[in-house]
Amino acid sequence: PGYGVALVGPAADRYLERAGYVRQSGGVTVSREHLHARLGTVTFIADLLRATASRPARFNCFGMHEWAMVYRAPSVRHSRVPLRL
């Protein structure tokens, strides 16, 4: 759940085993201190989501499968097939 949302009920206690979760009067939630410590990451993700929210979805691979075939590989496995890299 998002910051400021409190989880309640027996299942909420499992979150207390995770870093940054605390019990408050309304239930189990992420602590303000944990959020502040991760502010750089939270800001980056929020900016990324804002930048991509209005863009059309892309469902093709953009050649990533070809990149994955050769990334850190000792040799190109499919040398007979020309890659677009």
PDB file of N, CA and C in Angstrom:
ATOM      1  N   PRO A   1       0.822  -1.206   0.000  1.00  0.00           N
ATOM      2  CA  PRO A   1       0.000   0.000   0.000  1.00  0.00           C
ATOM      3  C   PRO A   1       0.858   1.258   0.000  1.00  0.00           C
ATOM      4  N   GLY A   2       0.269   2.330  -0.358  1.00  0.00           N
ATOM      5  CA  GLY A   2       0.985   3.601  -0.388  1.00  0.00           C
ATOM      6  C   GLY A   2       1.262   4.149   0.998  1.00  0.00           C
ATOM      7  N   TYR A   3       2.145   5.140   1.026  1.00  0.00           N
ATOM      8  CA  TYR A   3       2.489   5.765   2.306  1.00  0.00           C
ATOM      9  C   TYR A   3       1.239   6.376   2.927  1.00  0.00           C
ATOM     10  N   GLY A   4       1.091   6.185   4.217  1.00  0.00           N
ATOM     11  CA  GLY A   4      -0.069   6.718   4.921  1.00  0.00           C
ATOM     12  C   GLY A   4      -1.219   5.741   5.011  1.00  0.00           C
ATOM     13  N   VAL A   5      -1.105   4.601   4.340  1.00  0.00           N
ATOM     14  CA  VAL A   5      -2.134   3.567   4.407  1.00  0.00           C
ATOM     15  C   VAL A   5      -1.744   2.590   5.508  1.00  0.00           C
ATOM     16  N   ALA A   6      -2.668   2.297   6.405  1.00  0.00           N
ATOM     17  CA  ALA A   6      -2.402   1.360   7.494  1.00  0.00           C
ATOM     18  C   ALA A   6      -3.073   0.029   7.192  1.00  0.00           C
ATOM     19  N   LEU A   7      -2.317  -1.033   7.360  1.00  0.00           N
ATOM     20  CA  LEU A   7      -2.855  -2.380   7.207  1.00  0.00           C
ATOM     21  C   LEU A   7      -3.381  -2.842   8.554  1.00  0.00           C
ATOM     22  N   VAL A   8      -4.512  -3.524   8.549  1.00  0.00           N
ATOM     23  CA  VAL A   8      -5.109  -4.007   9.793  1.00  0.00           C
ATOM     24  C   VAL A   8      -5.387  -5.494   9.676  1.00  0.00           C
ATOM     25  N   GLY A   9      -5.645  -6.110  10.809  1.00  0.00           N
ATOM     26  CA  GLY A   9      -5.957  -7.527  10.827  1.00  0.00           C
ATOM     27  C   GLY A   9      -4.722  -8.375  11.084  1.00  0.00           C
ATOM     28  N   PRO A  10      -4.930  -9.661  11.274  1.00  0.00           N
ATOM     29  CA  PRO A  10      -3.825 -10.561  11.614  1.00  0.00           C
ATOM     30  C   PRO A  10      -2.722 -10.609  10.549  1.00  0.00           C
ATOM     31  N   ALA A  11      -3.067 -10.509   9.303  1.00  0.00           N
ATOM     32  CA  ALA A  11      -2.062 -10.576   8.231  1.00  0.00           C
ATOM     33  C   ALA A  11      -1.149  -9.355   8.227  1.00  0.00           C
ATOM     34  N   ALA A  12      -1.589  -8.254   8.801  1.00  0.00           N
ATOM     35  CA  ALA A  12      -0.779  -7.032   8.817  1.00  0.00           C
ATOM     36  C   ALA A  12       0.495  -7.215   9.628  1.00  0.00           C
ATOM     37  N   ASP A  13       0.451  -8.059  10.649  1.00  0.00           N
ATOM     38  CA  ASP A  13       1.626  -8.262  11.502  1.00  0.00           C
ATOM     39  C   ASP A  13       2.813  -8.832  10.734  1.00  0.00           C
ATOM     40  N   ARG A  14       2.572  -9.522   9.647  1.00  0.00           N
ATOM     41  CA  ARG A  14       3.685 -10.070   8.855  1.00  0.00           C
ATOM     42  C   ARG A  14       4.559  -8.957   8.293  1.00  0.00           C
ATOM     43  N   TYR A  15       3.999  -7.794   8.069  1.00  0.00           N
ATOM     44  CA  TYR A  15       4.779  -6.676   7.539  1.00  0.00           C
ATOM     45  C   TYR A  15       5.768  -6.131   8.564  1.00  0.00           C
ATOM     46  N   LEU A  16       5.551  -6.405   9.835  1.00  0.00           N
ATOM     47  CA  LEU A  16       6.475  -5.936  10.864  1.00  0.00           C
ATOM     48  C   LEU A  16       7.837  -6.617  10.749  1.00  0.00           C
ATOM     49  N   GLU A  17       7.905  -7.728  10.026  1.00  0.00           N
ATOM     50  CA  GLU A  17       9.178  -8.417   9.788  1.00  0.00           C
ATOM     51  C   GLU A  17       9.992  -7.713   8.704  1.00  0.00           C
ATOM     52  N   ARG A  18       9.378  -6.821   7.959  1.00  0.00           N
ATOM     53  CA  ARG A  18      10.050  -6.107   6.872  1.00  0.00           C
ATOM     54  C   ARG A  18      10.642  -4.798   7.386  1.00  0.00           C
ATOM     55  N   ALA A  19      11.720  -4.393   6.750  1.00  0.00           N
ATOM     56  CA  ALA A  19      12.370  -3.138   7.136  1.00  0.00           C
ATOM     57  C   ALA A  19      11.432  -1.956   6.904  1.00  0.00           C
ATOM     58  N   GLY A  20      11.365  -1.070   7.880  1.00  0.00           N
ATOM     59  CA  GLY A  20      10.633   0.172   7.708  1.00  0.00           C
ATOM     60  C   GLY A  20       9.181   0.152   8.133  1.00  0.00           C
ATOM     61  N   TYR A  21       8.633  -1.002   8.466  1.00  0.00           N
ATOM     62  CA  TYR A  21       7.236  -1.061   8.885  1.00  0.00           C
ATOM     63  C   TYR A  21       7.143  -0.959  10.400  1.00  0.00           C
ATOM     64  N   VAL A  22       6.156  -0.229  10.874  1.00  0.00           N
ATOM     65  CA  VAL A  22       5.938  -0.039  12.307  1.00  0.00           C
ATOM     66  C   VAL A  22       4.449  -0.159  12.614  1.00  0.00           C
ATOM     67  N   ARG A  23       4.168  -0.449  13.887  1.00  0.00           N
ATOM     68  CA  ARG A  23       2.767  -0.470  14.328  1.00  0.00           C
ATOM     69  C   ARG A  23       2.424   0.913  14.856  1.00  0.00           C
ATOM     70  N   GLN A  24       1.323   1.448  14.359  1.00  0.00           N
ATOM     71  CA  GLN A  24       0.797   2.711  14.867  1.00  0.00           C
ATOM     72  C   GLN A  24      -0.635   2.469  15.294  1.00  0.00           C
ATOM     73  N   SER A  25      -1.275   3.468  15.822  1.00  0.00           N
ATOM     74  CA  SER A  25      -2.621   3.281  16.366  1.00  0.00           C
ATOM     75  C   SER A  25      -3.610   2.748  15.335  1.00  0.00           C
ATOM     76  N   GLY A  26      -3.435   3.109  14.072  1.00  0.00           N
ATOM     77  CA  GLY A  26      -4.373   2.664  13.052  1.00  0.00           C
ATOM     78  C   GLY A  26      -4.029   1.331  12.412  1.00  0.00           C
ATOM     79  N   GLY A  27      -2.869   0.759  12.741  1.00  0.00           N
ATOM     80  CA  GLY A  27      -2.459  -0.511  12.152  1.00  0.00           C
ATOM     81  C   GLY A  27      -0.972  -0.505  11.847  1.00  0.00           C
ATOM     82  N   VAL A  28      -0.572  -1.277  10.857  1.00  0.00           N
ATOM     83  CA  VAL A  28       0.835  -1.393  10.467  1.00  0.00           C
ATOM     84  C   VAL A  28       1.056  -0.565   9.211  1.00  0.00           C
ATOM     85  N   THR A  29       2.092   0.258   9.225  1.00  0.00           N
ATOM     86  CA  THR A  29       2.358   1.152   8.102  1.00  0.00           C
ATOM     87  C   THR A  29       3.859   1.394   7.965  1.00  0.00           C
ATOM     88  N   VAL A  30       4.258   2.002   6.874  1.00  0.00           N
ATOM     89  CA  VAL A  30       5.658   2.374   6.673  1.00  0.00           C
ATOM     90  C   VAL A  30       5.956   3.597   7.533  1.00  0.00           C
ATOM     91  N   SER A  31       7.094   3.571   8.200  1.00  0.00           N
ATOM     92  CA  SER A  31       7.444   4.698   9.070  1.00  0.00           C
ATOM     93  C   SER A  31       7.889   5.906   8.251  1.00  0.00           C
ATOM     94  N   ARG A  32       7.680   7.073   8.810  1.00  0.00           N
ATOM     95  CA  ARG A  32       8.114   8.317   8.172  1.00  0.00           C
ATOM     96  C   ARG A  32       9.636   8.317   8.005  1.00  0.00           C
ATOM     97  N   GLU A  33      10.353   7.786   8.985  1.00  0.00           N
ATOM     98  CA  GLU A  33      11.818   7.739   8.927  1.00  0.00           C
ATOM     99  C   GLU A  33      12.301   6.863   7.773  1.00  0.00           C
ATOM    100  N   HIS A  34      11.633   5.743   7.567  1.00  0.00           N
ATOM    101  CA  HIS A  34      12.022   4.852   6.463  1.00  0.00           C
ATOM    102  C   HIS A  34      11.780   5.534   5.119  1.00  0.00           C
ATOM    103  N   LEU A  35      10.651   6.178   4.989  1.00  0.00           N
ATOM    104  CA  LEU A  35      10.350   6.891   3.750  1.00  0.00           C
ATOM    105  C   LEU A  35      11.376   7.993   3.510  1.00  0.00           C
ATOM    106  N   HIS A  36      11.730   8.735   4.539  1.00  0.00           N
ATOM    107  CA  HIS A  36      12.712   9.811   4.402  1.00  0.00           C
ATOM    108  C   HIS A  36      14.079   9.249   3.996  1.00  0.00           C
ATOM    109  N   ALA A  37      14.465   8.105   4.561  1.00  0.00           N
ATOM    110  CA  ALA A  37      15.754   7.494   4.226  1.00  0.00           C
ATOM    111  C   ALA A  37      15.796   7.038   2.771  1.00  0.00           C
ATOM    112  N   ARG A  38      14.650   6.741   2.194  1.00  0.00           N
ATOM    113  CA  ARG A  38      14.564   6.262   0.813  1.00  0.00           C
ATOM    114  C   ARG A  38      14.049   7.344  -0.134  1.00  0.00           C
ATOM    115  N   LEU A  39      14.121   8.589   0.278  1.00  0.00           N
ATOM    116  CA  LEU A  39      13.530   9.689  -0.479  1.00  0.00           C
ATOM    117  C   LEU A  39      14.064   9.784  -1.904  1.00  0.00           C
ATOM    118  N   GLY A  40      15.350   9.563  -2.101  1.00  0.00           N
ATOM    119  CA  GLY A  40      15.911   9.616  -3.451  1.00  0.00           C
ATOM    120  C   GLY A  40      15.276   8.594  -4.373  1.00  0.00           C
ATOM    121  N   THR A  41      15.097   7.375  -3.879  1.00  0.00           N
ATOM    122  CA  THR A  41      14.470   6.315  -4.674  1.00  0.00           C
ATOM    123  C   THR A  41      13.002   6.626  -4.931  1.00  0.00           C
ATOM    124  N   VAL A  42      12.310   7.065  -3.896  1.00  0.00           N
ATOM    125  CA  VAL A  42      10.885   7.391  -4.039  1.00  0.00           C
ATOM    126  C   VAL A  42      10.694   8.509  -5.055  1.00  0.00           C
ATOM    127  N   THR A  43      11.528   9.523  -4.999  1.00  0.00           N
ATOM    128  CA  THR A  43      11.440  10.638  -5.942  1.00  0.00           C
ATOM    129  C   THR A  43      11.714  10.174  -7.363  1.00  0.00           C
ATOM    130  N   PHE A  44      12.737   9.339  -7.549  1.00  0.00           N
ATOM    131  CA  PHE A  44      13.054   8.822  -8.876  1.00  0.00           C
ATOM    132  C   PHE A  44      11.877   8.046  -9.456  1.00  0.00           C
ATOM    133  N   ILE A  45      11.286   7.163  -8.667  1.00  0.00           N
ATOM    134  CA  ILE A  45      10.164   6.350  -9.150  1.00  0.00           C
ATOM    135  C   ILE A  45       8.953   7.224  -9.452  1.00  0.00           C
ATOM    136  N   ALA A  46       8.663   8.192  -8.599  1.00  0.00           N
ATOM    137  CA  ALA A  46       7.530   9.091  -8.850  1.00  0.00           C
ATOM    138  C   ALA A  46       7.740   9.878 -10.137  1.00  0.00           C
ATOM    139  N   ASP A  47       8.955  10.374 -10.359  1.00  0.00           N
ATOM    140  CA  ASP A  47       9.259  11.100 -11.599  1.00  0.00           C
ATOM    141  C   ASP A  47       9.125  10.193 -12.817  1.00  0.00           C
ATOM    142  N   LEU A  48       9.603   8.965 -12.708  1.00  0.00           N
ATOM    143  CA  LEU A  48       9.504   8.010 -13.809  1.00  0.00           C
ATOM    144  C   LEU A  48       8.046   7.704 -14.144  1.00  0.00           C
ATOM    145  N   LEU A  49       7.233   7.489 -13.131  1.00  0.00           N
ATOM    146  CA  LEU A  49       5.813   7.207 -13.363  1.00  0.00           C
ATOM    147  C   LEU A  49       5.099   8.399 -13.990  1.00  0.00           C
ATOM    148  N   ARG A  50       5.422   9.610 -13.536  1.00  0.00           N
ATOM    149  CA  ARG A  50       4.815  10.802 -14.144  1.00  0.00           C
ATOM    150  C   ARG A  50       5.228  10.929 -15.607  1.00  0.00           C
ATOM    151  N   ALA A  51       6.480  10.644 -15.901  1.00  0.00           N
ATOM    152  CA  ALA A  51       6.988  10.797 -17.266  1.00  0.00           C
ATOM    153  C   ALA A  51       6.403   9.764 -18.223  1.00  0.00           C
ATOM    154  N   THR A  52       6.035   8.601 -17.718  1.00  0.00           N
ATOM    155  CA  THR A  52       5.560   7.537 -18.604  1.00  0.00           C
ATOM    156  C   THR A  52       4.049   7.333 -18.576  1.00  0.00           C
ATOM    157  N   ALA A  53       3.348   7.927 -17.632  1.00  0.00           N
ATOM    158  CA  ALA A  53       1.914   7.670 -17.459  1.00  0.00           C
ATOM    159  C   ALA A  53       1.088   8.019 -18.689  1.00  0.00           C
ATOM    160  N   SER A  54       1.436   9.073 -19.388  1.00  0.00           N
ATOM    161  CA  SER A  54       0.612   9.505 -20.520  1.00  0.00           C
ATOM    162  C   SER A  54       1.115   8.971 -21.858  1.00  0.00           C
ATOM    163  N   ARG A  55       2.180   8.223 -21.851  1.00  0.00           N
ATOM    164  CA  ARG A  55       2.720   7.694 -23.107  1.00  0.00           C
ATOM    165  C   ARG A  55       2.015   6.409 -23.485  1.00  0.00           C
ATOM    166  N   PRO A  56       1.893   6.147 -24.788  1.00  0.00           N
ATOM    167  CA  PRO A  56       1.228   4.906 -25.207  1.00  0.00           C
ATOM    168  C   PRO A  56       2.057   3.681 -24.815  1.00  0.00           C
ATOM    169  N   ALA A  57       1.366   2.603 -24.525  1.00  0.00           N
ATOM    170  CA  ALA A  57       2.045   1.354 -24.165  1.00  0.00           C
ATOM    171  C   ALA A  57       2.776   0.790 -25.379  1.00  0.00           C
ATOM    172  N   ARG A  58       3.903   0.179 -25.138  1.00  0.00           N
ATOM    173  CA  ARG A  58       4.684  -0.488 -26.186  1.00  0.00           C
ATOM    174  C   ARG A  58       4.833  -1.948 -25.776  1.00  0.00           C
ATOM    175  N   PHE A  59       4.393  -2.839 -26.630  1.00  0.00           N
ATOM    176  CA  PHE A  59       4.426  -4.248 -26.284  1.00  0.00           C
ATOM    177  C   PHE A  59       5.444  -5.045 -27.082  1.00  0.00           C
ATOM    178  N   ASN A  60       6.191  -4.383 -27.965  1.00  0.00           N
ATOM    179  CA  ASN A  60       7.229  -5.113 -28.678  1.00  0.00           C
ATOM    180  C   ASN A  60       8.507  -5.078 -27.848  1.00  0.00           C
ATOM    181  N   CYS A  61       9.535  -5.767 -28.279  1.00  0.00           N
ATOM    182  CA  CYS A  61      10.704  -5.974 -27.422  1.00  0.00           C
ATOM    183  C   CYS A  61      11.817  -4.959 -27.638  1.00  0.00           C
ATOM    184  N   PHE A  62      11.759  -4.144 -28.664  1.00  0.00           N
ATOM    185  CA  PHE A  62      12.806  -3.163 -28.953  1.00  0.00           C
ATOM    186  C   PHE A  62      14.184  -3.806 -29.098  1.00  0.00           C
ATOM    187  N   GLY A  63      14.224  -5.070 -29.516  1.00  0.00           N
ATOM    188  CA  GLY A  63      15.501  -5.749 -29.712  1.00  0.00           C
ATOM    189  C   GLY A  63      16.144  -6.258 -28.439  1.00  0.00           C
ATOM    190  N   MET A  64      15.443  -6.186 -27.327  1.00  0.00           N
ATOM    191  CA  MET A  64      16.041  -6.619 -26.065  1.00  0.00           C
ATOM    192  C   MET A  64      16.365  -8.104 -26.064  1.00  0.00           C
ATOM    193  N   HIS A  65      15.578  -8.915 -26.767  1.00  0.00           N
ATOM    194  CA  HIS A  65      15.899 -10.342 -26.804  1.00  0.00           C
ATOM    195  C   HIS A  65      17.224 -10.568 -27.516  1.00  0.00           C
ATOM    196  N   GLU A  66      17.506  -9.750 -28.527  1.00  0.00           N
ATOM    197  CA  GLU A  66      18.781  -9.886 -29.224  1.00  0.00           C
ATOM    198  C   GLU A  66      19.927  -9.445 -28.326  1.00  0.00           C
ATOM    199  N   TRP A  67      19.721  -8.402 -27.588  1.00  0.00           N
ATOM    200  CA  TRP A  67      20.746  -7.943 -26.664  1.00  0.00           C
ATOM    201  C   TRP A  67      21.005  -9.017 -25.608  1.00  0.00           C
ATOM    202  N   ALA A  68      19.955  -9.629 -25.108  1.00  0.00           N
ATOM    203  CA  ALA A  68      20.100 -10.656 -24.076  1.00  0.00           C
ATOM    204  C   ALA A  68      20.841 -11.882 -24.599  1.00  0.00           C
ATOM    205  N   MET A  69      20.727 -12.145 -25.891  1.00  0.00           N
ATOM    206  CA  MET A  69      21.408 -13.309 -26.464  1.00  0.00           C
ATOM    207  C   MET A  69      22.919 -13.138 -26.445  1.00  0.00           C
ATOM    208  N   VAL A  70      23.406 -11.919 -26.459  1.00  0.00           N
ATOM    209  CA  VAL A  70      24.852 -11.709 -26.528  1.00  0.00           C
ATOM    210  C   VAL A  70      25.437 -11.043 -25.283  1.00  0.00           C
ATOM    211  N   TYR A  71      24.604 -10.576 -24.374  1.00  0.00           N
ATOM    212  CA  TYR A  71      25.107  -9.886 -23.186  1.00  0.00           C
ATOM    213  C   TYR A  71      25.918 -10.841 -22.321  1.00  0.00           C
ATOM    214  N   ARG A  72      27.177 -10.508 -22.111  1.00  0.00           N
ATOM    215  CA  ARG A  72      28.105 -11.279 -21.284  1.00  0.00           C
ATOM    216  C   ARG A  72      28.275 -12.722 -21.745  1.00  0.00           C
ATOM    217  N   ALA A  73      27.911 -13.014 -22.937  1.00  0.00           N
ATOM    218  CA  ALA A  73      28.095 -14.374 -23.460  1.00  0.00           C
ATOM    219  C   ALA A  73      29.519 -14.521 -23.975  1.00  0.00           C
ATOM    220  N   PRO A  74      30.132 -15.684 -23.749  1.00  0.00           N
ATOM    221  CA  PRO A  74      31.491 -15.875 -24.251  1.00  0.00           C
ATOM    222  C   PRO A  74      31.542 -15.885 -25.781  1.00  0.00           C
ATOM    223  N   SER A  75      30.422 -16.241 -26.398  1.00  0.00           N
ATOM    224  CA  SER A  75      30.338 -16.223 -27.860  1.00  0.00           C
ATOM    225  C   SER A  75      28.881 -16.022 -28.258  1.00  0.00           C
ATOM    226  N   VAL A  76      28.668 -15.613 -29.491  1.00  0.00           N
ATOM    227  CA  VAL A  76      27.307 -15.439 -29.999  1.00  0.00           C
ATOM    228  C   VAL A  76      26.763 -16.820 -30.334  1.00  0.00           C
ATOM    229  N   ARG A  77      25.643 -17.180 -29.734  1.00  0.00           N
ATOM    230  CA  ARG A  77      25.103 -18.533 -29.903  1.00  0.00           C
ATOM    231  C   ARG A  77      24.526 -18.778 -31.284  1.00  0.00           C
ATOM    232  N   HIS A  78      23.984 -17.760 -31.895  1.00  0.00           N
ATOM    233  CA  HIS A  78      23.309 -17.936 -33.185  1.00  0.00           C
ATOM    234  C   HIS A  78      24.028 -17.109 -34.239  1.00  0.00           C
ATOM    235  N   SER A  79      25.227 -17.486 -34.540  1.00  0.00           N
ATOM    236  CA  SER A  79      26.044 -16.682 -35.454  1.00  0.00           C
ATOM    237  C   SER A  79      25.510 -16.690 -36.883  1.00  0.00           C
ATOM    238  N   ARG A  80      24.661 -17.656 -37.228  1.00  0.00           N
ATOM    239  CA  ARG A  80      24.096 -17.706 -38.586  1.00  0.00           C
ATOM    240  C   ARG A  80      22.963 -16.713 -38.772  1.00  0.00           C
ATOM    241  N   VAL A  81      22.429 -16.201 -37.677  1.00  0.00           N
ATOM    242  CA  VAL A  81      21.313 -15.260 -37.737  1.00  0.00           C
ATOM    243  C   VAL A  81      21.866 -13.856 -37.503  1.00  0.00           C
ATOM    244  N   PRO A  82      21.688 -12.949 -38.467  1.00  0.00           N
ATOM    245  CA  PRO A  82      22.202 -11.593 -38.272  1.00  0.00           C
ATOM    246  C   PRO A  82      21.406 -10.854 -37.189  1.00  0.00           C
ATOM    247  N   LEU A  83      22.122 -10.283 -36.250  1.00  0.00           N
ATOM    248  CA  LEU A  83      21.481  -9.521 -35.183  1.00  0.00           C
ATOM    249  C   LEU A  83      21.481  -8.042 -35.535  1.00  0.00           C
ATOM    250  N   ARG A  84      20.530  -7.296 -35.007  1.00  0.00           N
ATOM    251  CA  ARG A  84      20.412  -5.869 -35.314  1.00  0.00           C
ATOM    252  C   ARG A  84      21.158  -5.000 -34.322  1.00  0.00           C
ATOM    253  N   LEU A  85      22.020  -5.558 -33.536  1.00  0.00           N
ATOM    254  CA  LEU A  85      22.718  -4.788 -32.498  1.00  0.00           C
ATOM    255  C   LEU A  85      23.670  -3.795 -33.089  1.00  0.00           C
TER     256      LEU A  85
END
